[in-house]
């Protein structure tokens, strides 16, 4: 999607990707992934132009956050850190 945004297809249990969800993430390679939006594919086909503009601006702002600010947002509960098993 550009500008640090990734759209991912997430399968719904028992229905595969076709009956699933779309999730929008802000992503910085090998460093950061922030879930910012999700929707069921049967409720909405895709983001509209205004949503895409908004999310690109949000991604730009989020990617500028320092590590210290991200930790602060986690401590106050604004961000929730999810550990990924490798």
PDB file of N, CA and C in Angstrom:
ATOM      1  N   UNK A   1       0.818  -1.190   0.000  1.00  0.00           N
ATOM      2  CA  UNK A   1       0.000   0.000   0.000  1.00  0.00           C
ATOM      3  C   UNK A   1       0.866   1.259   0.000  1.00  0.00           C
ATOM      4  N   UNK A   2       2.134   1.099   0.338  1.00  0.00           N
ATOM      5  CA  UNK A   2       3.030   2.235   0.368  1.00  0.00           C
ATOM      6  C   UNK A   2       2.978   2.997   1.674  1.00  0.00           C
ATOM      7  N   UNK A   3       3.921   3.889   1.847  1.00  0.00           N
ATOM      8  CA  UNK A   3       3.983   4.787   3.011  1.00  0.00           C
ATOM      9  C   UNK A   3       4.039   4.045   4.341  1.00  0.00           C
ATOM     10  N   UNK A   4       4.611   2.847   4.357  1.00  0.00           N
ATOM     11  CA  UNK A   4       4.706   2.084   5.598  1.00  0.00           C
ATOM     12  C   UNK A   4       3.461   1.312   5.960  1.00  0.00           C
ATOM     13  N   UNK A   5       2.507   1.212   5.037  1.00  0.00           N
ATOM     14  CA  UNK A   5       1.260   0.481   5.290  1.00  0.00           C
ATOM     15  C   UNK A   5       1.285  -0.874   4.603  1.00  0.00           C
ATOM     16  N   UNK A   6       0.745  -1.856   5.315  1.00  0.00           N
ATOM     17  CA  UNK A   6       0.565  -3.192   4.754  1.00  0.00           C
ATOM     18  C   UNK A   6      -0.883  -3.596   4.970  1.00  0.00           C
ATOM     19  N   UNK A   7      -1.491  -4.159   3.934  1.00  0.00           N
ATOM     20  CA  UNK A   7      -2.830  -4.736   4.054  1.00  0.00           C
ATOM     21  C   UNK A   7      -2.651  -6.242   4.037  1.00  0.00           C
ATOM     22  N   UNK A   8      -3.158  -6.894   5.059  1.00  0.00           N
ATOM     23  CA  UNK A   8      -2.980  -8.338   5.184  1.00  0.00           C
ATOM     24  C   UNK A   8      -4.341  -9.018   5.209  1.00  0.00           C
ATOM     25  N   UNK A   9      -4.407 -10.161   4.602  1.00  0.00           N
ATOM     26  CA  UNK A   9      -5.622 -10.982   4.670  1.00  0.00           C
ATOM     27  C   UNK A   9      -5.475 -11.947   5.830  1.00  0.00           C
ATOM     28  N   UNK A  10      -6.468 -11.955   6.682  1.00  0.00           N
ATOM     29  CA  UNK A  10      -6.460 -12.817   7.856  1.00  0.00           C
ATOM     30  C   UNK A  10      -7.642 -13.769   7.744  1.00  0.00           C
ATOM     31  N   UNK A  11      -7.386 -15.079   7.757  1.00  0.00           N
ATOM     32  CA  UNK A  11      -8.489 -16.025   7.599  1.00  0.00           C
ATOM     33  C   UNK A  11      -9.415 -16.061   8.818  1.00  0.00           C
ATOM     34  N   UNK A  12     -10.685 -16.293   8.547  1.00  0.00           N
ATOM     35  CA  UNK A  12     -11.660 -16.520   9.614  1.00  0.00           C
ATOM     36  C   UNK A  12     -11.687 -18.018   9.870  1.00  0.00           C
ATOM     37  N   UNK A  13     -11.716 -18.405  11.106  1.00  0.00           N
ATOM     38  CA  UNK A  13     -11.671 -19.809  11.481  1.00  0.00           C
ATOM     39  C   UNK A  13     -12.675 -20.637  10.674  1.00  0.00           C
ATOM     40  N   UNK A  14     -12.171 -21.634   9.973  1.00  0.00           N
ATOM     41  CA  UNK A  14     -13.017 -22.546   9.218  1.00  0.00           C
ATOM     42  C   UNK A  14     -13.446 -22.038   7.861  1.00  0.00           C
ATOM     43  N   UNK A  15     -13.062 -20.808   7.487  1.00  0.00           N
ATOM     44  CA  UNK A  15     -13.512 -20.253   6.214  1.00  0.00           C
ATOM     45  C   UNK A  15     -12.378 -19.844   5.286  1.00  0.00           C
ATOM     46  N   UNK A  16     -11.154 -19.930   5.744  1.00  0.00           N
ATOM     47  CA  UNK A  16     -10.040 -19.528   4.905  1.00  0.00           C
ATOM     48  C   UNK A  16     -10.000 -18.032   4.689  1.00  0.00           C
ATOM     49  N   UNK A  17      -9.137 -17.599   3.773  1.00  0.00           N
ATOM     50  CA  UNK A  17      -8.947 -16.164   3.552  1.00  0.00           C
ATOM     51  C   UNK A  17     -10.138 -15.505   2.864  1.00  0.00           C
ATOM     52  N   UNK A  18     -10.850 -16.224   2.039  1.00  0.00           N
ATOM     53  CA  UNK A  18     -11.977 -15.619   1.324  1.00  0.00           C
ATOM     54  C   UNK A  18     -13.070 -15.134   2.266  1.00  0.00           C
ATOM     55  N   UNK A  19     -13.303 -15.843   3.341  1.00  0.00           N
ATOM     56  CA  UNK A  19     -14.342 -15.447   4.289  1.00  0.00           C
ATOM     57  C   UNK A  19     -13.774 -14.693   5.473  1.00  0.00           C
ATOM     58  N   UNK A  20     -12.587 -14.155   5.318  1.00  0.00           N
ATOM     59  CA  UNK A  20     -11.878 -13.593   6.460  1.00  0.00           C
ATOM     60  C   UNK A  20     -11.930 -12.093   6.592  1.00  0.00           C
ATOM     61  N   UNK A  21     -10.826 -11.574   7.042  1.00  0.00           N
ATOM     62  CA  UNK A  21     -10.710 -10.162   7.393  1.00  0.00           C
ATOM     63  C   UNK A  21      -9.556  -9.528   6.633  1.00  0.00           C
ATOM     64  N   UNK A  22      -9.587  -8.222   6.580  1.00  0.00           N
ATOM     65  CA  UNK A  22      -8.441  -7.452   6.114  1.00  0.00           C
ATOM     66  C   UNK A  22      -7.950  -6.653   7.311  1.00  0.00           C
ATOM     67  N   UNK A  23      -6.655  -6.638   7.493  1.00  0.00           N
ATOM     68  CA  UNK A  23      -6.068  -5.855   8.572  1.00  0.00           C
ATOM     69  C   UNK A  23      -5.076  -4.876   7.964  1.00  0.00           C
ATOM     70  N   UNK A  24      -5.030  -3.695   8.534  1.00  0.00           N
ATOM     71  CA  UNK A  24      -4.116  -2.664   8.075  1.00  0.00           C
ATOM     72  C   UNK A  24      -3.067  -2.470   9.167  1.00  0.00           C
ATOM     73  N   UNK A  25      -1.806  -2.563   8.772  1.00  0.00           N
ATOM     74  CA  UNK A  25      -0.684  -2.446   9.700  1.00  0.00           C
ATOM     75  C   UNK A  25       0.267  -1.345   9.245  1.00  0.00           C
ATOM     76  N   UNK A  26       0.842  -0.662  10.217  1.00  0.00           N
ATOM     77  CA  UNK A  26       1.986   0.206   9.963  1.00  0.00           C
ATOM     78  C   UNK A  26       3.202  -0.673  10.202  1.00  0.00           C
ATOM     79  N   UNK A  27       4.123  -0.666   9.265  1.00  0.00           N
ATOM     80  CA  UNK A  27       5.223  -1.623   9.333  1.00  0.00           C
ATOM     81  C   UNK A  27       6.552  -0.952   9.009  1.00  0.00           C
ATOM     82  N   UNK A  28       7.549  -1.262   9.837  1.00  0.00           N
ATOM     83  CA  UNK A  28       8.934  -0.877   9.581  1.00  0.00           C
ATOM     84  C   UNK A  28       9.741  -2.165   9.647  1.00  0.00           C
ATOM     85  N   UNK A  29      10.393  -2.516   8.569  1.00  0.00           N
ATOM     86  CA  UNK A  29      11.079  -3.800   8.409  1.00  0.00           C
ATOM     87  C   UNK A  29      11.946  -4.167   9.612  1.00  0.00           C
ATOM     88  N   UNK A  30      11.743  -5.395  10.099  1.00  0.00           N
ATOM     89  CA  UNK A  30      12.516  -5.997  11.191  1.00  0.00           C
ATOM     90  C   UNK A  30      12.469  -5.215  12.502  1.00  0.00           C
ATOM     91  N   UNK A  31      11.500  -4.314  12.647  1.00  0.00           N
ATOM     92  CA  UNK A  31      11.537  -3.455  13.815  1.00  0.00           C
ATOM     93  C   UNK A  31      10.178  -3.222  14.463  1.00  0.00           C
ATOM     94  N   UNK A  32       9.147  -2.990  13.648  1.00  0.00           N
ATOM     95  CA  UNK A  32       7.894  -2.509  14.206  1.00  0.00           C
ATOM     96  C   UNK A  32       6.720  -2.902  13.331  1.00  0.00           C
ATOM     97  N   UNK A  33       5.653  -3.352  13.942  1.00  0.00           N
ATOM     98  CA  UNK A  33       4.387  -3.580  13.251  1.00  0.00           C
ATOM     99  C   UNK A  33       3.285  -3.134  14.203  1.00  0.00           C
ATOM    100  N   UNK A  34       2.449  -2.211  13.740  1.00  0.00           N
ATOM    101  CA  UNK A  34       1.367  -1.679  14.573  1.00  0.00           C
ATOM    102  C   UNK A  34       0.048  -1.928  13.858  1.00  0.00           C
ATOM    103  N   UNK A  35      -0.826  -2.691  14.492  1.00  0.00           N
ATOM    104  CA  UNK A  35      -2.170  -2.919  13.965  1.00  0.00           C
ATOM    105  C   UNK A  35      -2.952  -1.624  14.147  1.00  0.00           C
ATOM    106  N   UNK A  36      -3.556  -1.125  13.057  1.00  0.00           N
ATOM    107  CA  UNK A  36      -4.326   0.111  13.188  1.00  0.00           C
ATOM    108  C   UNK A  36      -5.782  -0.018  12.773  1.00  0.00           C
ATOM    109  N   UNK A  37      -6.129  -1.063  11.996  1.00  0.00           N
ATOM    110  CA  UNK A  37      -7.520  -1.154  11.539  1.00  0.00           C
ATOM    111  C   UNK A  37      -7.790  -2.546  11.006  1.00  0.00           C
ATOM    112  N   UNK A  38      -8.998  -3.016  11.176  1.00  0.00           N
ATOM    113  CA  UNK A  38      -9.403  -4.303  10.627  1.00  0.00           C
ATOM    114  C   UNK A  38     -10.878  -4.292  10.277  1.00  0.00           C
ATOM    115  N   UNK A  39     -11.238  -5.083   9.272  1.00  0.00           N
ATOM    116  CA  UNK A  39     -12.644  -5.183   8.880  1.00  0.00           C
ATOM    117  C   UNK A  39     -12.903  -6.515   8.194  1.00  0.00           C
ATOM    118  N   UNK A  40     -14.133  -6.981   8.327  1.00  0.00           N
ATOM    119  CA  UNK A  40     -14.535  -8.221   7.665  1.00  0.00           C
ATOM    120  C   UNK A  40     -14.708  -7.941   6.177  1.00  0.00           C
ATOM    121  N   UNK A  41     -14.209  -8.841   5.352  1.00  0.00           N
ATOM    122  CA  UNK A  41     -14.293  -8.650   3.905  1.00  0.00           C
ATOM    123  C   UNK A  41     -15.730  -8.662   3.403  1.00  0.00           C
ATOM    124  N   UNK A  42     -16.625  -9.350   4.120  1.00  0.00           N
ATOM    125  CA  UNK A  42     -18.014  -9.380   3.665  1.00  0.00           C
ATOM    126  C   UNK A  42     -18.772  -8.100   4.037  1.00  0.00           C
ATOM    127  N   UNK A  43     -18.185  -7.260   4.897  1.00  0.00           N
ATOM    128  CA  UNK A  43     -18.815  -5.996   5.272  1.00  0.00           C
ATOM    129  C   UNK A  43     -18.279  -4.815   4.463  1.00  0.00           C
ATOM    130  N   UNK A  44     -17.066  -4.961   3.975  1.00  0.00           N
ATOM    131  CA  UNK A  44     -16.419  -3.868   3.261  1.00  0.00           C
ATOM    132  C   UNK A  44     -15.376  -4.459   2.330  1.00  0.00           C
ATOM    133  N   UNK A  45     -15.370  -4.012   1.080  1.00  0.00           N
ATOM    134  CA  UNK A  45     -14.433  -4.583   0.119  1.00  0.00           C
ATOM    135  C   UNK A  45     -13.024  -4.054   0.289  1.00  0.00           C
ATOM    136  N   UNK A  46     -12.904  -2.757   0.520  1.00  0.00           N
ATOM    137  CA  UNK A  46     -11.578  -2.165   0.612  1.00  0.00           C
ATOM    138  C   UNK A  46     -11.673  -0.786   1.251  1.00  0.00           C
ATOM    139  N   UNK A  47     -10.534  -0.152   1.476  1.00  0.00           N
ATOM    140  CA  UNK A  47     -10.519   1.214   1.986  1.00  0.00           C
ATOM    141  C   UNK A  47     -10.916   2.169   0.865  1.00  0.00           C
ATOM    142  N   UNK A  48     -11.634   3.228   1.227  1.00  0.00           N
ATOM    143  CA  UNK A  48     -11.910   4.241   0.210  1.00  0.00           C
ATOM    144  C   UNK A  48     -10.736   5.222   0.152  1.00  0.00           C
ATOM    145  N   UNK A  49     -10.772   6.126  -0.802  1.00  0.00           N
ATOM    146  CA  UNK A  49      -9.662   7.051  -1.043  1.00  0.00           C
ATOM    147  C   UNK A  49      -9.334   7.884   0.193  1.00  0.00           C
ATOM    148  N   UNK A  50     -10.351   8.413   0.877  1.00  0.00           N
ATOM    149  CA  UNK A  50     -10.124   9.241   2.061  1.00  0.00           C
ATOM    150  C   UNK A  50      -9.518   8.441   3.216  1.00  0.00           C
ATOM    151  N   UNK A  51      -9.958   7.202   3.379  1.00  0.00           N
ATOM    152  CA  UNK A  51      -9.379   6.346   4.423  1.00  0.00           C
ATOM    153  C   UNK A  51      -7.909   6.071   4.137  1.00  0.00           C
ATOM    154  N   UNK A  52      -7.597   5.801   2.888  1.00  0.00           N
ATOM    155  CA  UNK A  52      -6.214   5.520   2.510  1.00  0.00           C
ATOM    156  C   UNK A  52      -5.323   6.736   2.787  1.00  0.00           C
ATOM    157  N   UNK A  53      -5.795   7.925   2.448  1.00  0.00           N
ATOM    158  CA  UNK A  53      -5.037   9.147   2.727  1.00  0.00           C
ATOM    159  C   UNK A  53      -4.815   9.294   4.232  1.00  0.00           C
ATOM    160  N   UNK A  54      -5.878   9.069   5.009  1.00  0.00           N
ATOM    161  CA  UNK A  54      -5.780   9.177   6.472  1.00  0.00           C
ATOM    162  C   UNK A  54      -4.772   8.176   7.045  1.00  0.00           C
ATOM    163  N   UNK A  55      -4.863   6.927   6.623  1.00  0.00           N
ATOM    164  CA  UNK A  55      -3.972   5.901   7.165  1.00  0.00           C
ATOM    165  C   UNK A  55      -2.521   6.122   6.744  1.00  0.00           C
ATOM    166  N   UNK A  56      -2.290   6.663   5.554  1.00  0.00           N
ATOM    167  CA  UNK A  56      -0.918   6.969   5.143  1.00  0.00           C
ATOM    168  C   UNK A  56      -0.338   8.080   6.018  1.00  0.00           C
ATOM    169  N   UNK A  57      -1.145   9.082   6.337  1.00  0.00           N
ATOM    170  CA  UNK A  57      -0.691  10.152   7.237  1.00  0.00           C
ATOM    171  C   UNK A  57      -0.417   9.586   8.629  1.00  0.00           C
ATOM    172  N   UNK A  58      -1.318   8.740   9.120  1.00  0.00           N
ATOM    173  CA  UNK A  58      -1.128   8.112  10.426  1.00  0.00           C
ATOM    174  C   UNK A  58       0.150   7.277  10.439  1.00  0.00           C
ATOM    175  N   UNK A  59       0.375   6.498   9.389  1.00  0.00           N
ATOM    176  CA  UNK A  59       1.591   5.672   9.304  1.00  0.00           C
ATOM    177  C   UNK A  59       2.830   6.551   9.359  1.00  0.00           C
ATOM    178  N   UNK A  60       2.813   7.641   8.631  1.00  0.00           N
ATOM    179  CA  UNK A  60       3.945   8.565   8.640  1.00  0.00           C
ATOM    180  C   UNK A  60       4.212   9.074  10.055  1.00  0.00           C
ATOM    181  N   UNK A  61       3.166   9.464  10.760  1.00  0.00           N
ATOM    182  CA  UNK A  61       3.315   9.953  12.137  1.00  0.00           C
ATOM    183  C   UNK A  61       3.820   8.862  13.075  1.00  0.00           C
ATOM    184  N   UNK A  62       3.263   7.664  12.972  1.00  0.00           N
ATOM    185  CA  UNK A  62       3.666   6.571  13.854  1.00  0.00           C
ATOM    186  C   UNK A  62       5.107   6.134  13.612  1.00  0.00           C
ATOM    187  N   UNK A  63       5.523   6.139  12.369  1.00  0.00           N
ATOM    188  CA  UNK A  63       6.889   5.709  12.059  1.00  0.00           C
ATOM    189  C   UNK A  63       7.935   6.723  12.531  1.00  0.00           C
ATOM    190  N   UNK A  64       7.516   7.925  12.840  1.00  0.00           N
ATOM    191  CA  UNK A  64       8.424   8.952  13.367  1.00  0.00           C
ATOM    192  C   UNK A  64       8.618   8.843  14.879  1.00  0.00           C
ATOM    193  N   UNK A  65       7.788   8.029  15.553  1.00  0.00           N
ATOM    194  CA  UNK A  65       7.895   7.906  17.003  1.00  0.00           C
ATOM    195  C   UNK A  65       9.230   7.288  17.399  1.00  0.00           C
ATOM    196  N   UNK A  66       9.821   7.834  18.428  1.00  0.00           N
ATOM    197  CA  UNK A  66      11.065   7.269  18.943  1.00  0.00           C
ATOM    198  C   UNK A  66      10.764   5.990  19.726  1.00  0.00           C
ATOM    199  N   UNK A  67      11.777   5.180  19.932  1.00  0.00           N
ATOM    200  CA  UNK A  67      11.617   3.974  20.748  1.00  0.00           C
ATOM    201  C   UNK A  67      11.147   4.346  22.149  1.00  0.00           C
ATOM    202  N   UNK A  68      11.674   5.433  22.683  1.00  0.00           N
ATOM    203  CA  UNK A  68      11.293   5.900  24.020  1.00  0.00           C
ATOM    204  C   UNK A  68       9.801   6.245  24.074  1.00  0.00           C
ATOM    205  N   UNK A  69       9.304   6.926  23.038  1.00  0.00           N
ATOM    206  CA  UNK A  69       7.883   7.307  23.004  1.00  0.00           C
ATOM    207  C   UNK A  69       6.995   6.063  22.879  1.00  0.00           C
ATOM    208  N   UNK A  70       7.426   5.105  22.095  1.00  0.00           N
ATOM    209  CA  UNK A  70       6.662   3.863  21.949  1.00  0.00           C
ATOM    210  C   UNK A  70       6.574   3.144  23.294  1.00  0.00           C
ATOM    211  N   UNK A  71       7.688   3.070  24.021  1.00  0.00           N
ATOM    212  CA  UNK A  71       7.670   2.450  25.357  1.00  0.00           C
ATOM    213  C   UNK A  71       6.734   3.203  26.297  1.00  0.00           C
ATOM    214  N   UNK A  72       6.745   4.525  26.219  1.00  0.00           N
ATOM    215  CA  UNK A  72       5.849   5.339  27.045  1.00  0.00           C
ATOM    216  C   UNK A  72       4.382   5.039  26.719  1.00  0.00           C
ATOM    217  N   UNK A  73       4.059   4.921  25.443  1.00  0.00           N
ATOM    218  CA  UNK A  73       2.690   4.608  25.028  1.00  0.00           C
ATOM    219  C   UNK A  73       2.279   3.211  25.479  1.00  0.00           C
ATOM    220  N   UNK A  74       3.228   2.278  25.491  1.00  0.00           N
ATOM    221  CA  UNK A  74       2.946   0.938  25.999  1.00  0.00           C
ATOM    222  C   UNK A  74       2.662   0.985  27.499  1.00  0.00           C
ATOM    223  N   UNK A  75       3.482   1.726  28.244  1.00  0.00           N
ATOM    224  CA  UNK A  75       3.294   1.816  29.701  1.00  0.00           C
ATOM    225  C   UNK A  75       1.950   2.408  30.081  1.00  0.00           C
ATOM    226  N   UNK A  76       1.491   3.403  29.308  1.00  0.00           N
ATOM    227  CA  UNK A  76       0.217   4.045  29.648  1.00  0.00           C
ATOM    228  C   UNK A  76      -0.990   3.291  29.081  1.00  0.00           C
ATOM    229  N   UNK A  77      -0.735   2.241  28.300  1.00  0.00           N
ATOM    230  CA  UNK A  77      -1.821   1.411  27.787  1.00  0.00           C
ATOM    231  C   UNK A  77      -2.377   1.840  26.444  1.00  0.00           C
ATOM    232  N   UNK A  78      -1.790   2.875  25.835  1.00  0.00           N
ATOM    233  CA  UNK A  78      -2.239   3.315  24.509  1.00  0.00           C
ATOM    234  C   UNK A  78      -1.850   2.296  23.448  1.00  0.00           C
ATOM    235  N   UNK A  79      -0.645   1.744  23.560  1.00  0.00           N
ATOM    236  CA  UNK A  79      -0.168   0.669  22.697  1.00  0.00           C
ATOM    237  C   UNK A  79      -0.122  -0.598  23.534  1.00  0.00           C
ATOM    238  N   UNK A  80      -0.405  -1.715  22.908  1.00  0.00           N
ATOM    239  CA  UNK A  80      -0.286  -3.005  23.581  1.00  0.00           C
ATOM    240  C   UNK A  80       0.733  -3.825  22.801  1.00  0.00           C
ATOM    241  N   UNK A  81       1.795  -4.202  23.467  1.00  0.00           N
ATOM    242  CA  UNK A  81       2.854  -4.968  22.818  1.00  0.00           C
ATOM    243  C   UNK A  81       2.464  -6.439  22.762  1.00  0.00           C
ATOM    244  N   UNK A  82       2.638  -7.020  21.595  1.00  0.00           N
ATOM    245  CA  UNK A  82       2.366  -8.439  21.398  1.00  0.00           C
ATOM    246  C   UNK A  82       3.679  -9.089  21.001  1.00  0.00           C
ATOM    247  N   UNK A  83       4.071 -10.084  21.754  1.00  0.00           N
ATOM    248  CA  UNK A  83       5.317 -10.790  21.434  1.00  0.00           C
ATOM    249  C   UNK A  83       5.032 -11.851  20.396  1.00  0.00           C
ATOM    250  N   UNK A  84       5.912 -11.938  19.432  1.00  0.00           N
ATOM    251  CA  UNK A  84       5.782 -12.911  18.359  1.00  0.00           C
ATOM    252  C   UNK A  84       6.779 -14.029  18.596  1.00  0.00           C
ATOM    253  N   UNK A  85       6.281 -15.246  18.523  1.00  0.00           N
ATOM    254  CA  UNK A  85       7.180 -16.392  18.652  1.00  0.00           C
ATOM    255  C   UNK A  85       7.778 -16.693  17.299  1.00  0.00           C
ATOM    256  N   UNK A  86       9.055 -16.981  17.313  1.00  0.00           N
ATOM    257  CA  UNK A  86       9.729 -17.293  16.041  1.00  0.00           C
ATOM    258  C   UNK A  86       9.893 -18.769  15.870  1.00  0.00           C
TER     259      UNK A  86
END
